[in-house]
């Protein structure tokens, strides 16, 4: 068992004795109005590469450089991501919409187009020409309802298209079941 797997700690919500809870539909309705940045996460635990699109990626700490994301147990990539010691988190912009759609489409080989990806010297699958990617070591996993929250330590990164401080760039955002581009037109204040 890997060190990351050994650190798995279940979150038992029922132990807290809550008398009521939002329904799944109520919870989904809440978050439809809350936009999320778009990332694609790839990994290979030895059985071949997997990928999935996620809007749950968040930075946690700059020192040490840590991030988190969650994966649904319903995802076809969940088994591999539960076992992988390292992952690649691709941070996308609007120019990467096809990669985002690829990771979000079920029932397909997300690596069939061999010109779109390669392997790092360390073995992880990485999509080419995306805005940025970060190679991470998985340091902890926590079961949370029907998902797993993964904490990862950033080891290596590449920025293809940098976002200048104070500029909106071309961020890719998922909001209310639709892809959106942030840009100068969406800026509210300086």
C-alpha atoms as a PDB file:
ATOM      1  CA  UNK A   1       0.000   0.000   0.000  1.00  0.00           C
ATOM      2  CA  UNK A   2       1.347   3.434  -0.898  1.00  0.00           C
ATOM      3  CA  UNK A   3       1.953   6.067   1.772  1.00  0.00           C
ATOM      4  CA  UNK A   4      -0.859   8.144   0.246  1.00  0.00           C
ATOM      5  CA  UNK A   5      -3.314   5.255   0.510  1.00  0.00           C
ATOM      6  CA  UNK A   6      -2.276   4.671   4.111  1.00  0.00           C
ATOM      7  CA  UNK A   7      -3.296   8.262   4.909  1.00  0.00           C
ATOM      8  CA  UNK A   8      -6.902   7.756   3.827  1.00  0.00           C
ATOM      9  CA  UNK A   9      -9.247   9.033   6.520  1.00  0.00           C
ATOM     10  CA  UNK A  10     -13.004   8.613   6.063  1.00  0.00           C
ATOM     11  CA  UNK A  11     -15.333  11.498   6.813  1.00  0.00           C
ATOM     12  CA  UNK A  12     -18.348  10.071   8.623  1.00  0.00           C
ATOM     13  CA  UNK A  13     -21.048  12.733   8.360  1.00  0.00           C
ATOM     14  CA  UNK A  14     -23.634  10.545  10.112  1.00  0.00           C
ATOM     15  CA  UNK A  15     -21.492  10.534  13.262  1.00  0.00           C
ATOM     16  CA  UNK A  16     -22.155  14.247  13.675  1.00  0.00           C
ATOM     17  CA  UNK A  17     -25.863  13.659  14.262  1.00  0.00           C
ATOM     18  CA  UNK A  18     -27.270  16.271  11.885  1.00  0.00           C
ATOM     19  CA  UNK A  19     -31.072  16.214  12.034  1.00  0.00           C
ATOM     20  CA  UNK A  20     -31.521  17.370   8.450  1.00  0.00           C
ATOM     21  CA  UNK A  21     -29.566  17.705   5.260  1.00  0.00           C
ATOM     22  CA  UNK A  22     -30.026  19.272   1.841  1.00  0.00           C
ATOM     23  CA  UNK A  23     -31.149  16.896  -0.871  1.00  0.00           C
ATOM     24  CA  UNK A  24     -28.737  16.171  -3.714  1.00  0.00           C
ATOM     25  CA  UNK A  25     -30.906  18.290  -6.047  1.00  0.00           C
ATOM     26  CA  UNK A  26     -30.895  21.237  -3.611  1.00  0.00           C
ATOM     27  CA  UNK A  27     -27.129  21.006  -3.246  1.00  0.00           C
ATOM     28  CA  UNK A  28     -26.593  20.832  -7.021  1.00  0.00           C
ATOM     29  CA  UNK A  29     -28.862  23.868  -7.517  1.00  0.00           C
ATOM     30  CA  UNK A  30     -26.773  25.807  -5.020  1.00  0.00           C
ATOM     31  CA  UNK A  31     -23.509  25.121  -6.815  1.00  0.00           C
ATOM     32  CA  UNK A  32     -24.864  25.642 -10.350  1.00  0.00           C
ATOM     33  CA  UNK A  33     -24.642  29.347  -9.563  1.00  0.00           C
ATOM     34  CA  UNK A  34     -21.091  29.112  -8.207  1.00  0.00           C
ATOM     35  CA  UNK A  35     -18.527  29.125 -11.048  1.00  0.00           C
ATOM     36  CA  UNK A  36     -15.442  26.971 -10.929  1.00  0.00           C
ATOM     37  CA  UNK A  37     -12.140  27.067 -12.755  1.00  0.00           C
ATOM     38  CA  UNK A  38     -11.607  24.106 -15.071  1.00  0.00           C
ATOM     39  CA  UNK A  39      -8.798  21.569 -14.788  1.00  0.00           C
ATOM     40  CA  UNK A  40      -8.064  18.149 -16.231  1.00  0.00           C
ATOM     41  CA  UNK A  41      -6.370  15.646 -13.966  1.00  0.00           C
ATOM     42  CA  UNK A  42      -4.356  12.762 -15.395  1.00  0.00           C
ATOM     43  CA  UNK A  43      -2.656   9.812 -13.763  1.00  0.00           C
ATOM     44  CA  UNK A  44      -1.369   6.325 -14.425  1.00  0.00           C
ATOM     45  CA  UNK A  45      -1.113   3.791 -11.613  1.00  0.00           C
ATOM     46  CA  UNK A  46       0.414   1.198 -13.941  1.00  0.00           C
ATOM     47  CA  UNK A  47      -2.699   0.094 -15.852  1.00  0.00           C
ATOM     48  CA  UNK A  48      -2.731   2.870 -18.457  1.00  0.00           C
ATOM     49  CA  UNK A  49      -3.502   6.580 -18.330  1.00  0.00           C
ATOM     50  CA  UNK A  50      -6.786   8.115 -17.147  1.00  0.00           C
ATOM     51  CA  UNK A  51      -8.128  11.659 -17.283  1.00  0.00           C
ATOM     52  CA  UNK A  52     -11.064  13.577 -15.885  1.00  0.00           C
ATOM     53  CA  UNK A  53     -12.262  17.159 -15.926  1.00  0.00           C
ATOM     54  CA  UNK A  54     -12.648  18.805 -12.516  1.00  0.00           C
ATOM     55  CA  UNK A  55     -13.814  22.153 -11.180  1.00  0.00           C
ATOM     56  CA  UNK A  56     -12.825  21.351  -7.609  1.00  0.00           C
ATOM     57  CA  UNK A  57      -9.101  22.193  -7.804  1.00  0.00           C
ATOM     58  CA  UNK A  58      -8.016  24.742  -5.209  1.00  0.00           C
ATOM     59  CA  UNK A  59      -4.692  25.957  -3.885  1.00  0.00           C
ATOM     60  CA  UNK A  60      -4.251  25.368  -0.172  1.00  0.00           C
ATOM     61  CA  UNK A  61      -0.780  26.589   0.711  1.00  0.00           C
ATOM     62  CA  UNK A  62       2.156  28.257  -1.059  1.00  0.00           C
ATOM     63  CA  UNK A  63       4.719  27.008   1.479  1.00  0.00           C
ATOM     64  CA  UNK A  64       4.693  24.086   1.092  1.00  0.00           C
ATOM     65  CA  UNK A  65       2.936  24.212  -2.304  1.00  0.00           C
ATOM     66  CA  UNK A  66      -0.254  22.197  -1.749  1.00  0.00           C
ATOM     67  CA  UNK A  67      -3.485  21.827  -3.656  1.00  0.00           C
ATOM     68  CA  UNK A  68      -6.647  19.777  -3.302  1.00  0.00           C
ATOM     69  CA  UNK A  69      -9.299  18.391  -5.625  1.00  0.00           C
ATOM     70  CA  UNK A  70     -12.118  15.899  -5.394  1.00  0.00           C
ATOM     71  CA  UNK A  71     -13.133  12.991  -7.581  1.00  0.00           C
ATOM     72  CA  UNK A  72     -16.510  11.299  -7.748  1.00  0.00           C
ATOM     73  CA  UNK A  73     -16.621   7.580  -7.086  1.00  0.00           C
ATOM     74  CA  UNK A  74     -18.768   7.432 -10.254  1.00  0.00           C
ATOM     75  CA  UNK A  75     -15.868   8.600 -12.440  1.00  0.00           C
ATOM     76  CA  UNK A  76     -14.235   5.994 -14.660  1.00  0.00           C
ATOM     77  CA  UNK A  77     -10.886   7.450 -13.531  1.00  0.00           C
ATOM     78  CA  UNK A  78     -11.567   7.119  -9.798  1.00  0.00           C
ATOM     79  CA  UNK A  79      -9.969   3.673  -9.342  1.00  0.00           C
ATOM     80  CA  UNK A  80      -6.663   4.801 -10.858  1.00  0.00           C
ATOM     81  CA  UNK A  81      -6.700   8.133  -9.002  1.00  0.00           C
ATOM     82  CA  UNK A  82      -7.293   6.232  -5.753  1.00  0.00           C
ATOM     83  CA  UNK A  83      -4.060   4.277  -6.360  1.00  0.00           C
ATOM     84  CA  UNK A  84      -1.757   6.742  -8.137  1.00  0.00           C
ATOM     85  CA  UNK A  85       1.166   8.168  -6.187  1.00  0.00           C
ATOM     86  CA  UNK A  86       1.439  11.160  -8.538  1.00  0.00           C
ATOM     87  CA  UNK A  87      -0.977  13.149 -10.716  1.00  0.00           C
ATOM     88  CA  UNK A  88      -0.795  15.899 -13.297  1.00  0.00           C
ATOM     89  CA  UNK A  89      -3.224  18.775 -12.781  1.00  0.00           C
ATOM     90  CA  UNK A  90      -3.732  20.727 -16.017  1.00  0.00           C
ATOM     91  CA  UNK A  91      -4.994  24.265 -15.318  1.00  0.00           C
ATOM     92  CA  UNK A  92      -6.943  25.264 -18.418  1.00  0.00           C
ATOM     93  CA  UNK A  93      -7.938  28.432 -20.204  1.00  0.00           C
ATOM     94  CA  UNK A  94     -10.480  28.989 -22.972  1.00  0.00           C
ATOM     95  CA  UNK A  95      -7.960  27.850 -25.602  1.00  0.00           C
ATOM     96  CA  UNK A  96      -8.065  24.399 -23.951  1.00  0.00           C
ATOM     97  CA  UNK A  97     -11.822  23.832 -24.281  1.00  0.00           C
ATOM     98  CA  UNK A  98     -11.312  20.659 -26.354  1.00  0.00           C
ATOM     99  CA  UNK A  99      -9.136  19.116 -23.631  1.00  0.00           C
ATOM    100  CA  UNK A 100     -11.769  20.074 -21.031  1.00  0.00           C
ATOM    101  CA  UNK A 101     -14.511  18.432 -23.102  1.00  0.00           C
ATOM    102  CA  UNK A 102     -12.340  15.361 -23.672  1.00  0.00           C
ATOM    103  CA  UNK A 103     -11.891  14.848 -19.915  1.00  0.00           C
ATOM    104  CA  UNK A 104     -15.622  15.407 -19.335  1.00  0.00           C
ATOM    105  CA  UNK A 105     -16.865  12.931 -21.956  1.00  0.00           C
ATOM    106  CA  UNK A 106     -17.585   9.445 -20.683  1.00  0.00           C
ATOM    107  CA  UNK A 107     -17.130   6.188 -22.539  1.00  0.00           C
ATOM    108  CA  UNK A 108     -14.238   7.290 -24.765  1.00  0.00           C
ATOM    109  CA  UNK A 109     -10.496   6.717 -24.888  1.00  0.00           C
ATOM    110  CA  UNK A 110      -9.186  10.088 -23.710  1.00  0.00           C
ATOM    111  CA  UNK A 111      -5.717   9.171 -24.945  1.00  0.00           C
ATOM    112  CA  UNK A 112      -6.573   7.834 -28.421  1.00  0.00           C
ATOM    113  CA  UNK A 113      -5.249  10.985 -30.112  1.00  0.00           C
ATOM    114  CA  UNK A 114      -1.591  10.344 -29.410  1.00  0.00           C
ATOM    115  CA  UNK A 115      -0.494  13.727 -30.814  1.00  0.00           C
ATOM    116  CA  UNK A 116      -2.336  15.495 -27.931  1.00  0.00           C
ATOM    117  CA  UNK A 117      -0.306  14.010 -25.102  1.00  0.00           C
ATOM    118  CA  UNK A 118       3.002  12.499 -24.038  1.00  0.00           C
ATOM    119  CA  UNK A 119       4.585  11.147 -20.898  1.00  0.00           C
ATOM    120  CA  UNK A 120       6.928  13.023 -18.628  1.00  0.00           C
ATOM    121  CA  UNK A 121      10.256  11.316 -17.931  1.00  0.00           C
ATOM    122  CA  UNK A 122       8.690  10.301 -14.608  1.00  0.00           C
ATOM    123  CA  UNK A 123       5.898   8.458 -16.488  1.00  0.00           C
ATOM    124  CA  UNK A 124       2.814  10.627 -15.938  1.00  0.00           C
ATOM    125  CA  UNK A 125       0.569  11.427 -18.925  1.00  0.00           C
ATOM    126  CA  UNK A 126       0.510  15.142 -19.777  1.00  0.00           C
ATOM    127  CA  UNK A 127      -1.559  16.964 -22.397  1.00  0.00           C
ATOM    128  CA  UNK A 128       0.444  19.279 -24.638  1.00  0.00           C
ATOM    129  CA  UNK A 129      -0.081  22.981 -25.263  1.00  0.00           C
ATOM    130  CA  UNK A 130      -2.429  23.559 -22.297  1.00  0.00           C
ATOM    131  CA  UNK A 131      -2.174  26.823 -20.361  1.00  0.00           C
ATOM    132  CA  UNK A 132      -0.311  25.222 -17.455  1.00  0.00           C
ATOM    133  CA  UNK A 133       0.231  21.943 -15.666  1.00  0.00           C
ATOM    134  CA  UNK A 134       1.620  20.880 -12.321  1.00  0.00           C
ATOM    135  CA  UNK A 135       3.003  17.467 -11.389  1.00  0.00           C
ATOM    136  CA  UNK A 136       2.032  16.543  -7.844  1.00  0.00           C
ATOM    137  CA  UNK A 137       2.692  13.829  -5.294  1.00  0.00           C
ATOM    138  CA  UNK A 138      -0.482  12.629  -3.607  1.00  0.00           C
ATOM    139  CA  UNK A 139      -0.002  13.122   0.127  1.00  0.00           C
ATOM    140  CA  UNK A 140      -3.460  12.324   1.494  1.00  0.00           C
ATOM    141  CA  UNK A 141      -6.895  11.053   0.524  1.00  0.00           C
ATOM    142  CA  UNK A 142     -10.125  11.481   2.434  1.00  0.00           C
ATOM    143  CA  UNK A 143     -13.424   9.778   1.685  1.00  0.00           C
ATOM    144  CA  UNK A 144     -16.177  12.404   1.667  1.00  0.00           C
ATOM    145  CA  UNK A 145     -19.659  11.134   0.810  1.00  0.00           C
ATOM    146  CA  UNK A 146     -19.596   9.773  -2.741  1.00  0.00           C
ATOM    147  CA  UNK A 147     -16.271  11.466  -3.482  1.00  0.00           C
ATOM    148  CA  UNK A 148     -12.641  11.358  -2.470  1.00  0.00           C
ATOM    149  CA  UNK A 149     -10.760  14.545  -1.620  1.00  0.00           C
ATOM    150  CA  UNK A 150      -7.121  14.344  -2.651  1.00  0.00           C
ATOM    151  CA  UNK A 151      -4.378  16.558  -1.220  1.00  0.00           C
ATOM    152  CA  UNK A 152      -1.264  16.880  -3.358  1.00  0.00           C
ATOM    153  CA  UNK A 153       2.177  18.471  -3.074  1.00  0.00           C
ATOM    154  CA  UNK A 154       3.332  20.370  -6.185  1.00  0.00           C
ATOM    155  CA  UNK A 155       6.660  19.037  -7.453  1.00  0.00           C
ATOM    156  CA  UNK A 156       7.120  20.394 -10.979  1.00  0.00           C
ATOM    157  CA  UNK A 157       5.219  22.792 -13.229  1.00  0.00           C
ATOM    158  CA  UNK A 158       5.086  24.217 -16.725  1.00  0.00           C
ATOM    159  CA  UNK A 159       3.326  27.409 -17.847  1.00  0.00           C
ATOM    160  CA  UNK A 160       2.630  27.642 -21.570  1.00  0.00           C
ATOM    161  CA  UNK A 161       0.469  30.792 -21.412  1.00  0.00           C
ATOM    162  CA  UNK A 162       1.080  32.952 -18.363  1.00  0.00           C
ATOM    163  CA  UNK A 163      -1.569  35.228 -16.899  1.00  0.00           C
ATOM    164  CA  UNK A 164      -0.147  38.653 -16.112  1.00  0.00           C
ATOM    165  CA  UNK A 165      -0.968  40.072 -12.668  1.00  0.00           C
ATOM    166  CA  UNK A 166      -4.150  42.137 -12.735  1.00  0.00           C
ATOM    167  CA  UNK A 167      -5.161  40.925 -16.194  1.00  0.00           C
ATOM    168  CA  UNK A 168      -8.126  38.583 -16.723  1.00  0.00           C
ATOM    169  CA  UNK A 169      -6.418  36.306 -19.258  1.00  0.00           C
ATOM    170  CA  UNK A 170      -8.726  33.823 -20.979  1.00  0.00           C
ATOM    171  CA  UNK A 171      -9.759  31.770 -17.958  1.00  0.00           C
ATOM    172  CA  UNK A 172     -12.056  28.818 -18.629  1.00  0.00           C
ATOM    173  CA  UNK A 173     -14.907  28.658 -16.127  1.00  0.00           C
ATOM    174  CA  UNK A 174     -17.749  26.198 -15.698  1.00  0.00           C
ATOM    175  CA  UNK A 175     -20.980  27.831 -14.533  1.00  0.00           C
ATOM    176  CA  UNK A 176     -24.579  26.585 -14.594  1.00  0.00           C
ATOM    177  CA  UNK A 177     -23.716  23.563 -16.776  1.00  0.00           C
ATOM    178  CA  UNK A 178     -21.997  25.724 -19.418  1.00  0.00           C
ATOM    179  CA  UNK A 179     -18.411  26.641 -20.360  1.00  0.00           C
ATOM    180  CA  UNK A 180     -17.516  30.346 -20.096  1.00  0.00           C
ATOM    181  CA  UNK A 181     -14.496  32.490 -20.916  1.00  0.00           C
ATOM    182  CA  UNK A 182     -13.422  35.210 -18.528  1.00  0.00           C
ATOM    183  CA  UNK A 183     -11.859  38.174 -20.229  1.00  0.00           C
ATOM    184  CA  UNK A 184     -11.742  41.948 -20.302  1.00  0.00           C
ATOM    185  CA  UNK A 185     -15.501  41.969 -20.998  1.00  0.00           C
ATOM    186  CA  UNK A 186     -16.230  40.213 -17.689  1.00  0.00           C
ATOM    187  CA  UNK A 187     -14.121  42.508 -15.492  1.00  0.00           C
ATOM    188  CA  UNK A 188     -16.253  44.419 -12.963  1.00  0.00           C
ATOM    189  CA  UNK A 189     -13.617  46.522 -11.167  1.00  0.00           C
ATOM    190  CA  UNK A 190      -9.912  47.299 -11.397  1.00  0.00           C
END
